[in-house]
């Protein structure tokens, strides 16, 4: 589950994606279903190291983020501030990974690839927010790293329906599959949950 954290889900947060709150019930249902069939659940949260107006992602904060929200966005994405959104059901057996780029699988971004390989995972289901940014970026890299990749249409949210649909289309055309959470869980269960 990508970026389902306070910085993106909280009302009024500088990086708020309001529709992310609407997918919480679907993600909770997905996580429960995955645990039931023995599939690991991984929560991926975004954090960037920042000090005195400087960050480990200078290009992003100095050339992409608007001046009016730069400092508040840096503060919202600071390490130690990140936790999975309170309305999500996190279980003790779940894994949490911190990333510092849009894609959780680009080299140097996180330990996600190492975790997936150590667990013997060959298929990744991607849920979270934003569909067209961090979810799509992670899905593209997952496919390029030879993971079977599924973007879950009912467990992802963007700032608009158009952005959401465009990302789903991109993944479906070139990078993997697009399924609902129920469809994906049924396929995993039938395949012996690999």
C-alpha atoms as a PDB file:
ATOM      1  CA  UNK A   1       0.000   0.000   0.000  1.00  0.00           C
ATOM      2  CA  UNK A   2       1.725   3.134  -1.255  1.00  0.00           C
ATOM      3  CA  UNK A   3       1.690   6.468   0.635  1.00  0.00           C
ATOM      4  CA  UNK A   4      -1.481   5.851   2.622  1.00  0.00           C
ATOM      5  CA  UNK A   5      -0.077   8.070   5.347  1.00  0.00           C
ATOM      6  CA  UNK A   6      -0.899  11.243   7.213  1.00  0.00           C
ATOM      7  CA  UNK A   7       0.921  13.551   4.763  1.00  0.00           C
ATOM      8  CA  UNK A   8      -1.420  12.477   1.942  1.00  0.00           C
ATOM      9  CA  UNK A   9      -4.603  11.429   3.760  1.00  0.00           C
ATOM     10  CA  UNK A  10      -5.092  14.029   6.490  1.00  0.00           C
ATOM     11  CA  UNK A  11      -7.584  16.799   5.732  1.00  0.00           C
ATOM     12  CA  UNK A  12      -5.647  20.006   5.099  1.00  0.00           C
ATOM     13  CA  UNK A  13      -2.242  18.322   4.814  1.00  0.00           C
ATOM     14  CA  UNK A  14       0.043  20.151   2.361  1.00  0.00           C
ATOM     15  CA  UNK A  15       0.170  17.075   0.095  1.00  0.00           C
ATOM     16  CA  UNK A  16      -3.450  16.019   0.710  1.00  0.00           C
ATOM     17  CA  UNK A  17      -5.160  13.726  -1.783  1.00  0.00           C
ATOM     18  CA  UNK A  18      -8.792  13.969  -0.608  1.00  0.00           C
ATOM     19  CA  UNK A  19      -9.911  10.891  -2.556  1.00  0.00           C
ATOM     20  CA  UNK A  20      -7.339   8.766  -0.706  1.00  0.00           C
ATOM     21  CA  UNK A  21      -9.664   8.678   2.292  1.00  0.00           C
ATOM     22  CA  UNK A  22     -12.402   7.157   0.113  1.00  0.00           C
ATOM     23  CA  UNK A  23     -10.335   4.045  -0.663  1.00  0.00           C
ATOM     24  CA  UNK A  24      -9.571   3.220   2.972  1.00  0.00           C
ATOM     25  CA  UNK A  25     -12.415   0.648   3.293  1.00  0.00           C
ATOM     26  CA  UNK A  26     -11.290  -1.122   0.109  1.00  0.00           C
ATOM     27  CA  UNK A  27      -7.662  -1.209   1.276  1.00  0.00           C
ATOM     28  CA  UNK A  28      -8.672  -2.525   4.689  1.00  0.00           C
ATOM     29  CA  UNK A  29     -10.689  -5.279   2.994  1.00  0.00           C
ATOM     30  CA  UNK A  30      -7.772  -6.081   0.700  1.00  0.00           C
ATOM     31  CA  UNK A  31      -5.299  -6.303   3.587  1.00  0.00           C
ATOM     32  CA  UNK A  32      -7.609  -8.629   5.541  1.00  0.00           C
ATOM     33  CA  UNK A  33      -8.111 -10.854   2.485  1.00  0.00           C
ATOM     34  CA  UNK A  34      -4.377 -11.030   1.741  1.00  0.00           C
ATOM     35  CA  UNK A  35      -3.539 -11.978   5.317  1.00  0.00           C
ATOM     36  CA  UNK A  36      -6.244 -14.665   5.243  1.00  0.00           C
ATOM     37  CA  UNK A  37      -4.656 -16.397   2.222  1.00  0.00           C
ATOM     38  CA  UNK A  38      -1.131 -16.021   3.587  1.00  0.00           C
ATOM     39  CA  UNK A  39       0.117 -13.132   1.463  1.00  0.00           C
ATOM     40  CA  UNK A  40       2.276 -10.482   3.130  1.00  0.00           C
ATOM     41  CA  UNK A  41       0.997  -6.918   3.409  1.00  0.00           C
ATOM     42  CA  UNK A  42       3.550  -4.147   2.928  1.00  0.00           C
ATOM     43  CA  UNK A  43       2.864  -0.529   3.844  1.00  0.00           C
ATOM     44  CA  UNK A  44       5.149   1.908   2.005  1.00  0.00           C
ATOM     45  CA  UNK A  45       5.421   5.424   3.432  1.00  0.00           C
ATOM     46  CA  UNK A  46       7.286   8.369   1.961  1.00  0.00           C
ATOM     47  CA  UNK A  47       9.826  10.404   3.930  1.00  0.00           C
ATOM     48  CA  UNK A  48      12.568  12.844   3.032  1.00  0.00           C
ATOM     49  CA  UNK A  49      15.377  14.015   5.254  1.00  0.00           C
ATOM     50  CA  UNK A  50      15.268  17.804   5.619  1.00  0.00           C
ATOM     51  CA  UNK A  51      17.231  20.317   7.664  1.00  0.00           C
ATOM     52  CA  UNK A  52      17.233  24.096   7.624  1.00  0.00           C
ATOM     53  CA  UNK A  53      15.481  24.375   4.270  1.00  0.00           C
ATOM     54  CA  UNK A  54      17.641  21.688   2.687  1.00  0.00           C
ATOM     55  CA  UNK A  55      16.498  18.202   1.701  1.00  0.00           C
ATOM     56  CA  UNK A  56      17.723  14.904   0.291  1.00  0.00           C
ATOM     57  CA  UNK A  57      15.420  15.667  -2.650  1.00  0.00           C
ATOM     58  CA  UNK A  58      16.525  19.187  -3.536  1.00  0.00           C
ATOM     59  CA  UNK A  59      15.227  19.149  -7.118  1.00  0.00           C
ATOM     60  CA  UNK A  60      11.718  18.229  -5.997  1.00  0.00           C
ATOM     61  CA  UNK A  61      11.473  20.690  -3.137  1.00  0.00           C
ATOM     62  CA  UNK A  62      13.166  23.594  -4.923  1.00  0.00           C
ATOM     63  CA  UNK A  63      11.725  23.243  -8.427  1.00  0.00           C
ATOM     64  CA  UNK A  64       8.475  21.274  -8.173  1.00  0.00           C
ATOM     65  CA  UNK A  65       6.853  22.147  -4.844  1.00  0.00           C
ATOM     66  CA  UNK A  66       5.317  25.620  -4.743  1.00  0.00           C
ATOM     67  CA  UNK A  67       6.882  28.272  -2.541  1.00  0.00           C
ATOM     68  CA  UNK A  68       3.712  28.627  -0.462  1.00  0.00           C
ATOM     69  CA  UNK A  69       3.800  24.989   0.710  1.00  0.00           C
ATOM     70  CA  UNK A  70       7.514  24.097   0.490  1.00  0.00           C
ATOM     71  CA  UNK A  71       8.306  24.269   4.214  1.00  0.00           C
ATOM     72  CA  UNK A  72       5.043  22.617   5.299  1.00  0.00           C
ATOM     73  CA  UNK A  73       5.494  19.815   2.753  1.00  0.00           C
ATOM     74  CA  UNK A  74       9.079  19.228   3.894  1.00  0.00           C
ATOM     75  CA  UNK A  75       7.868  19.071   7.492  1.00  0.00           C
ATOM     76  CA  UNK A  76       5.006  16.712   6.589  1.00  0.00           C
ATOM     77  CA  UNK A  77       7.412  14.329   4.828  1.00  0.00           C
ATOM     78  CA  UNK A  78      10.142  14.405   7.480  1.00  0.00           C
ATOM     79  CA  UNK A  79      11.311  11.047   8.845  1.00  0.00           C
ATOM     80  CA  UNK A  80       9.658  10.170  12.117  1.00  0.00           C
ATOM     81  CA  UNK A  81       6.507  12.052  11.119  1.00  0.00           C
ATOM     82  CA  UNK A  82       5.289   9.290   8.852  1.00  0.00           C
ATOM     83  CA  UNK A  83       2.809   6.692   9.907  1.00  0.00           C
ATOM     84  CA  UNK A  84       0.115   4.778   8.124  1.00  0.00           C
ATOM     85  CA  UNK A  85      -3.169   6.702   8.170  1.00  0.00           C
ATOM     86  CA  UNK A  86      -5.074   6.016  11.400  1.00  0.00           C
ATOM     87  CA  UNK A  87      -8.177   4.610   9.659  1.00  0.00           C
ATOM     88  CA  UNK A  88      -6.158   1.808   8.055  1.00  0.00           C
ATOM     89  CA  UNK A  89      -5.908  -1.567   9.761  1.00  0.00           C
ATOM     90  CA  UNK A  90      -2.243  -2.430  10.238  1.00  0.00           C
ATOM     91  CA  UNK A  91      -1.478  -5.843  11.689  1.00  0.00           C
ATOM     92  CA  UNK A  92       1.664  -6.814  13.640  1.00  0.00           C
ATOM     93  CA  UNK A  93       2.694  -9.270  10.898  1.00  0.00           C
ATOM     94  CA  UNK A  94       2.612  -6.538   8.219  1.00  0.00           C
ATOM     95  CA  UNK A  95       5.797  -4.930   6.923  1.00  0.00           C
ATOM     96  CA  UNK A  96       6.503  -1.188   6.688  1.00  0.00           C
ATOM     97  CA  UNK A  97       9.034   0.258   4.247  1.00  0.00           C
ATOM     98  CA  UNK A  98      10.126   3.887   3.965  1.00  0.00           C
ATOM     99  CA  UNK A  99      10.820   5.307   0.510  1.00  0.00           C
ATOM    100  CA  UNK A 100      12.268   8.664  -0.488  1.00  0.00           C
ATOM    101  CA  UNK A 101      11.289   8.873  -4.167  1.00  0.00           C
ATOM    102  CA  UNK A 102       8.052   8.437  -6.103  1.00  0.00           C
ATOM    103  CA  UNK A 103       8.863   4.826  -6.941  1.00  0.00           C
ATOM    104  CA  UNK A 104       9.488   2.488  -4.050  1.00  0.00           C
ATOM    105  CA  UNK A 105      11.501   0.301  -6.425  1.00  0.00           C
ATOM    106  CA  UNK A 106      13.884   2.724  -8.094  1.00  0.00           C
ATOM    107  CA  UNK A 107      17.480   2.084  -7.011  1.00  0.00           C
ATOM    108  CA  UNK A 108      18.251   3.713  -3.689  1.00  0.00           C
ATOM    109  CA  UNK A 109      14.648   4.637  -2.877  1.00  0.00           C
ATOM    110  CA  UNK A 110      13.846   1.938  -0.324  1.00  0.00           C
ATOM    111  CA  UNK A 111      14.407  -1.638   0.795  1.00  0.00           C
ATOM    112  CA  UNK A 112      11.205  -2.850  -0.896  1.00  0.00           C
ATOM    113  CA  UNK A 113      12.847  -4.945  -3.619  1.00  0.00           C
ATOM    114  CA  UNK A 114      15.089  -6.671  -1.073  1.00  0.00           C
ATOM    115  CA  UNK A 115      12.084  -7.408   1.154  1.00  0.00           C
ATOM    116  CA  UNK A 116      10.011  -8.809  -1.717  1.00  0.00           C
ATOM    117  CA  UNK A 117      12.857 -11.019  -2.937  1.00  0.00           C
ATOM    118  CA  UNK A 118      13.571 -12.284   0.590  1.00  0.00           C
ATOM    119  CA  UNK A 119       9.906 -13.246   0.953  1.00  0.00           C
ATOM    120  CA  UNK A 120       9.929 -15.055  -2.405  1.00  0.00           C
ATOM    121  CA  UNK A 121       7.332 -12.681  -3.864  1.00  0.00           C
ATOM    122  CA  UNK A 122       6.897 -12.713  -7.637  1.00  0.00           C
ATOM    123  CA  UNK A 123       3.612 -10.787  -7.894  1.00  0.00           C
ATOM    124  CA  UNK A 124       2.932  -7.325  -6.500  1.00  0.00           C
ATOM    125  CA  UNK A 125      -0.477  -5.757  -6.005  1.00  0.00           C
ATOM    126  CA  UNK A 126      -0.218  -1.988  -5.887  1.00  0.00           C
ATOM    127  CA  UNK A 127      -2.695   0.141  -3.972  1.00  0.00           C
ATOM    128  CA  UNK A 128      -2.519   3.651  -2.549  1.00  0.00           C
ATOM    129  CA  UNK A 129      -2.079   7.197  -3.665  1.00  0.00           C
ATOM    130  CA  UNK A 130      -1.506   8.966  -6.033  1.00  0.00           C
ATOM    131  CA  UNK A 131      -2.463   6.483  -8.727  1.00  0.00           C
ATOM    132  CA  UNK A 132      -0.640   8.460 -11.408  1.00  0.00           C
ATOM    133  CA  UNK A 133       2.493   9.314  -9.436  1.00  0.00           C
ATOM    134  CA  UNK A 134       3.856   6.971  -6.764  1.00  0.00           C
ATOM    135  CA  UNK A 135       1.618   3.997  -7.568  1.00  0.00           C
ATOM    136  CA  UNK A 136       2.246   4.164 -11.312  1.00  0.00           C
ATOM    137  CA  UNK A 137       5.979   4.813 -10.831  1.00  0.00           C
ATOM    138  CA  UNK A 138       6.287   1.809  -8.523  1.00  0.00           C
ATOM    139  CA  UNK A 139       4.237  -0.370 -10.896  1.00  0.00           C
ATOM    140  CA  UNK A 140       6.445   0.526 -13.865  1.00  0.00           C
ATOM    141  CA  UNK A 141       9.606  -0.279 -11.938  1.00  0.00           C
ATOM    142  CA  UNK A 142       8.093  -3.508 -10.576  1.00  0.00           C
ATOM    143  CA  UNK A 143       7.506  -4.751 -14.114  1.00  0.00           C
ATOM    144  CA  UNK A 144      10.994  -3.698 -15.194  1.00  0.00           C
ATOM    145  CA  UNK A 145      12.388  -5.725 -12.272  1.00  0.00           C
ATOM    146  CA  UNK A 146      10.451  -8.788 -13.475  1.00  0.00           C
ATOM    147  CA  UNK A 147       7.663  -8.789 -10.901  1.00  0.00           C
ATOM    148  CA  UNK A 148       4.169  -9.645 -12.123  1.00  0.00           C
ATOM    149  CA  UNK A 149       2.462  -6.330 -11.526  1.00  0.00           C
ATOM    150  CA  UNK A 150      -1.178  -5.497 -10.802  1.00  0.00           C
ATOM    151  CA  UNK A 151      -2.525  -2.015 -10.165  1.00  0.00           C
ATOM    152  CA  UNK A 152      -5.736  -2.258  -8.149  1.00  0.00           C
ATOM    153  CA  UNK A 153      -8.328   0.069  -9.652  1.00  0.00           C
ATOM    154  CA  UNK A 154     -10.551   0.282  -6.568  1.00  0.00           C
ATOM    155  CA  UNK A 155      -7.672   0.659  -4.104  1.00  0.00           C
ATOM    156  CA  UNK A 156      -5.900   3.624  -5.723  1.00  0.00           C
ATOM    157  CA  UNK A 157      -6.741   7.323  -5.698  1.00  0.00           C
ATOM    158  CA  UNK A 158      -5.517  10.414  -7.516  1.00  0.00           C
ATOM    159  CA  UNK A 159      -6.465  14.080  -7.413  1.00  0.00           C
ATOM    160  CA  UNK A 160      -8.961  13.539 -10.250  1.00  0.00           C
ATOM    161  CA  UNK A 161     -10.780  10.698 -11.981  1.00  0.00           C
ATOM    162  CA  UNK A 162      -9.024  11.604 -15.249  1.00  0.00           C
ATOM    163  CA  UNK A 163      -5.567  11.208 -13.681  1.00  0.00           C
ATOM    164  CA  UNK A 164      -6.645   7.926 -12.084  1.00  0.00           C
ATOM    165  CA  UNK A 165      -8.020   6.480 -15.340  1.00  0.00           C
ATOM    166  CA  UNK A 166      -4.999   7.588 -17.384  1.00  0.00           C
ATOM    167  CA  UNK A 167      -2.621   5.810 -14.976  1.00  0.00           C
ATOM    168  CA  UNK A 168      -4.709   2.629 -15.075  1.00  0.00           C
ATOM    169  CA  UNK A 169      -4.622   2.723 -18.875  1.00  0.00           C
ATOM    170  CA  UNK A 170      -0.836   3.230 -18.922  1.00  0.00           C
ATOM    171  CA  UNK A 171      -0.270   0.223 -16.692  1.00  0.00           C
ATOM    172  CA  UNK A 172      -2.729  -1.976 -18.565  1.00  0.00           C
ATOM    173  CA  UNK A 173      -1.206  -1.165 -21.970  1.00  0.00           C
ATOM    174  CA  UNK A 174       2.464  -1.665 -21.107  1.00  0.00           C
ATOM    175  CA  UNK A 175       3.358  -2.671 -17.567  1.00  0.00           C
ATOM    176  CA  UNK A 176       0.971  -5.149 -16.016  1.00  0.00           C
ATOM    177  CA  UNK A 177      -2.625  -5.817 -15.229  1.00  0.00           C
ATOM    178  CA  UNK A 178      -5.414  -3.720 -13.764  1.00  0.00           C
ATOM    179  CA  UNK A 179      -7.859  -5.548 -11.531  1.00  0.00           C
ATOM    180  CA  UNK A 180     -10.163  -4.860  -8.620  1.00  0.00           C
ATOM    181  CA  UNK A 181      -8.976  -6.051  -5.222  1.00  0.00           C
ATOM    182  CA  UNK A 182     -11.503  -8.908  -5.226  1.00  0.00           C
ATOM    183  CA  UNK A 183     -10.387 -10.086  -8.667  1.00  0.00           C
ATOM    184  CA  UNK A 184      -6.719 -10.026  -7.644  1.00  0.00           C
ATOM    185  CA  UNK A 185      -7.286 -11.902  -4.380  1.00  0.00           C
ATOM    186  CA  UNK A 186      -9.323 -14.585  -6.168  1.00  0.00           C
ATOM    187  CA  UNK A 187      -6.521 -15.069  -8.704  1.00  0.00           C
ATOM    188  CA  UNK A 188      -3.857 -15.238  -5.988  1.00  0.00           C
ATOM    189  CA  UNK A 189      -5.867 -17.748  -3.974  1.00  0.00           C
ATOM    190  CA  UNK A 190      -6.437 -19.911  -7.048  1.00  0.00           C
ATOM    191  CA  UNK A 191      -2.725 -19.787  -7.925  1.00  0.00           C
ATOM    192  CA  UNK A 192      -1.631 -20.820  -4.453  1.00  0.00           C
ATOM    193  CA  UNK A 193      -0.975 -17.189  -3.337  1.00  0.00           C
ATOM    194  CA  UNK A 194       2.455 -16.644  -4.897  1.00  0.00           C
END
